[in-house]
Amino acid sequence: MMEKLDRITVDPGICLGQPTVRGTRITVSVILKMLAGGKTVQDVLEAYPELHREDVYQAIKYAAWVVSDQFHLLPVPARG
């Protein structure tokens, strides 16, 4: 069952339709790139004081939801 993600919005008129944190122009991808680059949740909150901790967690949950139904089989080289 999909958890309610009420802090993430998609609006074609905001950031070219990229998912953003509600009421901001901060995209989910910006948050994820910071975390993937080694920043902590606290670092994200300090960089964007308008965010709340739950905004960051919902950005992560949103990304997980987006990729959860998508998988691609990658070719595996033959051994020998």
N, C-alpha and C. Protein backbone atom coordinates (compact mmCIF):
# COMPACT_ATOMS: atom_id res chain seq x y z
N MET A 1 0.85 -1.18 0.00
CA MET A 1 0.00 0.00 0.00
C MET A 1 0.89 1.24 0.00
N MET A 2 0.53 2.21 -0.80
CA MET A 2 1.29 3.44 -0.93
C MET A 2 1.04 4.35 0.26
N GLU A 3 2.12 4.79 0.88
CA GLU A 3 2.03 5.73 1.98
C GLU A 3 1.70 7.11 1.42
N LYS A 4 0.93 7.87 2.16
CA LYS A 4 0.56 9.21 1.72
C LYS A 4 1.80 10.10 1.74
N LEU A 5 2.09 10.72 0.60
CA LEU A 5 3.23 11.63 0.48
C LEU A 5 2.69 13.02 0.20
N ASP A 6 2.17 13.66 1.22
CA ASP A 6 1.49 14.94 1.04
C ASP A 6 2.44 16.14 0.98
N ARG A 7 3.72 15.92 1.15
CA ARG A 7 4.68 17.02 1.11
C ARG A 7 5.35 17.16 -0.25
N ILE A 8 5.14 16.19 -1.13
CA ILE A 8 5.76 16.21 -2.45
C ILE A 8 4.67 16.48 -3.48
N THR A 9 4.94 17.46 -4.35
CA THR A 9 3.96 17.81 -5.37
C THR A 9 4.60 17.82 -6.75
N VAL A 10 3.77 17.61 -7.75
CA VAL A 10 4.21 17.70 -9.14
C VAL A 10 3.25 18.65 -9.84
N ASP A 11 3.79 19.75 -10.32
CA ASP A 11 3.00 20.79 -10.99
C ASP A 11 3.75 21.20 -12.24
N PRO A 12 3.14 21.02 -13.42
CA PRO A 12 3.82 21.38 -14.66
C PRO A 12 4.31 22.83 -14.70
N GLY A 13 3.72 23.69 -13.90
CA GLY A 13 4.11 25.09 -13.88
C GLY A 13 5.24 25.42 -12.90
N ILE A 14 5.70 24.42 -12.17
CA ILE A 14 6.77 24.64 -11.20
C ILE A 14 7.93 23.71 -11.52
N CYS A 15 9.09 24.29 -11.74
CA CYS A 15 10.32 23.52 -12.01
C CYS A 15 10.12 22.50 -13.13
N LEU A 16 9.41 22.93 -14.18
CA LEU A 16 9.17 22.09 -15.36
C LEU A 16 8.51 20.75 -15.02
N GLY A 17 7.72 20.74 -13.95
CA GLY A 17 7.00 19.53 -13.59
C GLY A 17 7.79 18.53 -12.77
N GLN A 18 8.99 18.91 -12.37
CA GLN A 18 9.77 18.01 -11.51
C GLN A 18 9.11 17.94 -10.13
N PRO A 19 9.21 16.81 -9.46
CA PRO A 19 8.66 16.72 -8.11
C PRO A 19 9.39 17.69 -7.18
N THR A 20 8.62 18.46 -6.42
CA THR A 20 9.18 19.44 -5.49
C THR A 20 8.55 19.27 -4.12
N VAL A 21 9.20 19.85 -3.14
CA VAL A 21 8.62 19.90 -1.80
C VAL A 21 7.52 20.95 -1.83
N ARG A 22 6.37 20.59 -1.34
CA ARG A 22 5.18 21.45 -1.34
C ARG A 22 5.52 22.86 -0.86
N GLY A 23 5.08 23.85 -1.64
CA GLY A 23 5.25 25.25 -1.26
C GLY A 23 6.64 25.80 -1.51
N THR A 24 7.50 25.01 -2.16
CA THR A 24 8.86 25.47 -2.47
C THR A 24 9.18 25.18 -3.92
N ARG A 25 10.36 25.60 -4.33
CA ARG A 25 10.88 25.23 -5.64
C ARG A 25 12.09 24.31 -5.46
N ILE A 26 12.12 23.63 -4.33
CA ILE A 26 13.20 22.70 -4.03
C ILE A 26 12.79 21.33 -4.56
N THR A 27 13.56 20.82 -5.51
CA THR A 27 13.19 19.56 -6.14
C THR A 27 13.67 18.36 -5.32
N VAL A 28 12.95 17.28 -5.50
CA VAL A 28 13.34 16.01 -4.88
C VAL A 28 14.75 15.65 -5.32
N SER A 29 15.07 15.89 -6.58
CA SER A 29 16.39 15.52 -7.08
C SER A 29 17.51 16.29 -6.39
N VAL A 30 17.29 17.55 -6.06
CA VAL A 30 18.31 18.33 -5.35
C VAL A 30 18.58 17.70 -3.99
N ILE A 31 17.53 17.32 -3.30
CA ILE A 31 17.68 16.70 -1.98
C ILE A 31 18.42 15.37 -2.11
N LEU A 32 18.02 14.55 -3.07
CA LEU A 32 18.65 13.24 -3.24
C LEU A 32 20.11 13.37 -3.63
N LYS A 33 20.43 14.33 -4.49
CA LYS A 33 21.83 14.53 -4.89
C LYS A 33 22.69 14.95 -3.71
N MET A 34 22.15 15.77 -2.84
CA MET A 34 22.90 16.16 -1.65
C MET A 34 23.17 14.94 -0.76
N LEU A 35 22.14 14.14 -0.54
CA LEU A 35 22.29 12.96 0.31
C LEU A 35 23.24 11.95 -0.33
N ALA A 36 23.11 11.75 -1.64
CA ALA A 36 23.99 10.82 -2.34
C ALA A 36 25.43 11.30 -2.34
N GLY A 37 25.61 12.60 -2.26
CA GLY A 37 26.95 13.17 -2.23
C GLY A 37 27.58 13.17 -0.85
N GLY A 38 26.90 12.57 0.12
CA GLY A 38 27.47 12.44 1.44
C GLY A 38 26.96 13.42 2.48
N LYS A 39 26.07 14.31 2.07
CA LYS A 39 25.49 15.25 3.03
C LYS A 39 24.50 14.52 3.92
N THR A 40 24.32 15.02 5.12
CA THR A 40 23.36 14.44 6.05
C THR A 40 22.02 15.16 5.92
N VAL A 41 21.01 14.59 6.54
CA VAL A 41 19.71 15.26 6.58
C VAL A 41 19.87 16.63 7.22
N GLN A 42 20.65 16.71 8.26
CA GLN A 42 20.89 17.99 8.93
C GLN A 42 21.55 18.99 7.99
N ASP A 43 22.49 18.53 7.16
CA ASP A 43 23.12 19.41 6.17
C ASP A 43 22.09 19.98 5.20
N VAL A 44 21.17 19.12 4.75
CA VAL A 44 20.12 19.57 3.83
C VAL A 44 19.26 20.62 4.51
N LEU A 45 18.89 20.37 5.75
CA LEU A 45 18.04 21.32 6.48
C LEU A 45 18.76 22.64 6.71
N GLU A 46 20.05 22.61 6.91
CA GLU A 46 20.80 23.85 7.09
C GLU A 46 20.94 24.61 5.77
N ALA A 47 21.07 23.87 4.66
CA ALA A 47 21.18 24.51 3.34
C ALA A 47 19.85 25.11 2.91
N TYR A 48 18.76 24.49 3.32
CA TYR A 48 17.41 24.93 2.95
C TYR A 48 16.57 25.05 4.22
N PRO A 49 16.72 26.16 4.95
CA PRO A 49 16.03 26.30 6.24
C PRO A 49 14.50 26.22 6.15
N GLU A 50 13.95 26.42 4.95
CA GLU A 50 12.50 26.34 4.80
C GLU A 50 12.00 24.90 4.83
N LEU A 51 12.90 23.93 4.73
CA LEU A 51 12.51 22.52 4.77
C LEU A 51 12.39 22.03 6.21
N HIS A 52 11.58 20.99 6.34
CA HIS A 52 11.45 20.28 7.61
C HIS A 52 12.01 18.88 7.42
N ARG A 53 12.39 18.26 8.50
CA ARG A 53 12.97 16.92 8.44
C ARG A 53 12.05 15.96 7.66
N GLU A 54 10.75 16.03 7.89
CA GLU A 54 9.81 15.15 7.20
C GLU A 54 9.80 15.40 5.69
N ASP A 55 10.09 16.63 5.25
CA ASP A 55 10.19 16.91 3.81
C ASP A 55 11.29 16.06 3.19
N VAL A 56 12.43 16.01 3.85
CA VAL A 56 13.57 15.24 3.34
C VAL A 56 13.22 13.75 3.31
N TYR A 57 12.61 13.26 4.39
CA TYR A 57 12.23 11.85 4.42
C TYR A 57 11.20 11.51 3.35
N GLN A 58 10.26 12.41 3.11
CA GLN A 58 9.27 12.13 2.07
C GLN A 58 9.90 12.19 0.68
N ALA A 59 10.91 13.02 0.49
CA ALA A 59 11.61 13.04 -0.80
C ALA A 59 12.26 11.68 -1.05
N ILE A 60 12.85 11.11 -0.03
CA ILE A 60 13.47 9.79 -0.15
C ILE A 60 12.39 8.73 -0.43
N LYS A 61 11.30 8.79 0.31
CA LYS A 61 10.21 7.83 0.12
C LYS A 61 9.61 7.96 -1.28
N TYR A 62 9.49 9.19 -1.77
CA TYR A 62 8.95 9.41 -3.12
C TYR A 62 9.87 8.74 -4.15
N ALA A 63 11.16 8.97 -4.02
CA ALA A 63 12.11 8.37 -4.96
C ALA A 63 12.04 6.85 -4.92
N ALA A 64 11.93 6.29 -3.73
CA ALA A 64 11.81 4.84 -3.61
C ALA A 64 10.54 4.34 -4.28
N TRP A 65 9.46 5.07 -4.11
CA TRP A 65 8.19 4.69 -4.75
C TRP A 65 8.31 4.74 -6.27
N VAL A 66 8.95 5.78 -6.79
CA VAL A 66 9.07 5.93 -8.25
C VAL A 66 9.83 4.76 -8.86
N VAL A 67 10.90 4.34 -8.22
CA VAL A 67 11.70 3.27 -8.80
C VAL A 67 11.24 1.88 -8.41
N SER A 68 10.33 1.76 -7.47
CA SER A 68 9.94 0.44 -6.98
C SER A 68 9.23 -0.40 -8.03
N ASP A 69 8.56 0.23 -8.96
CA ASP A 69 7.84 -0.52 -9.99
C ASP A 69 8.62 -0.60 -11.29
N GLN A 70 9.84 -0.12 -11.27
CA GLN A 70 10.64 -0.13 -12.49
C GLN A 70 11.89 -0.96 -12.26
N PHE A 71 12.11 -1.89 -13.14
CA PHE A 71 13.37 -2.61 -13.09
C PHE A 71 13.73 -2.97 -14.51
N HIS A 72 15.00 -3.07 -14.75
CA HIS A 72 15.49 -3.38 -16.08
C HIS A 72 16.48 -4.53 -15.97
N LEU A 73 16.31 -5.49 -16.82
CA LEU A 73 17.25 -6.60 -16.83
C LEU A 73 18.50 -6.15 -17.57
N LEU A 74 19.62 -6.32 -16.94
CA LEU A 74 20.89 -5.97 -17.56
C LEU A 74 21.54 -7.23 -18.10
N PRO A 75 22.12 -7.15 -19.28
CA PRO A 75 22.78 -8.34 -19.81
C PRO A 75 23.98 -8.71 -18.93
N VAL A 76 24.13 -9.99 -18.72
CA VAL A 76 25.25 -10.50 -17.94
C VAL A 76 26.19 -11.21 -18.90
N PRO A 77 27.46 -10.81 -18.93
CA PRO A 77 28.39 -11.46 -19.85
C PRO A 77 28.51 -12.96 -19.55
N ALA A 78 28.62 -13.74 -20.59
CA ALA A 78 28.78 -15.18 -20.43
C ALA A 78 30.15 -15.48 -19.84
N ARG A 79 30.18 -16.44 -18.97
CA ARG A 79 31.47 -16.87 -18.40
C ARG A 79 32.08 -17.92 -19.32
N GLY A 80 33.36 -17.92 -19.34
CA GLY A 80 33.95 -19.01 -20.10
C GLY A 80 35.21 -18.74 -20.75
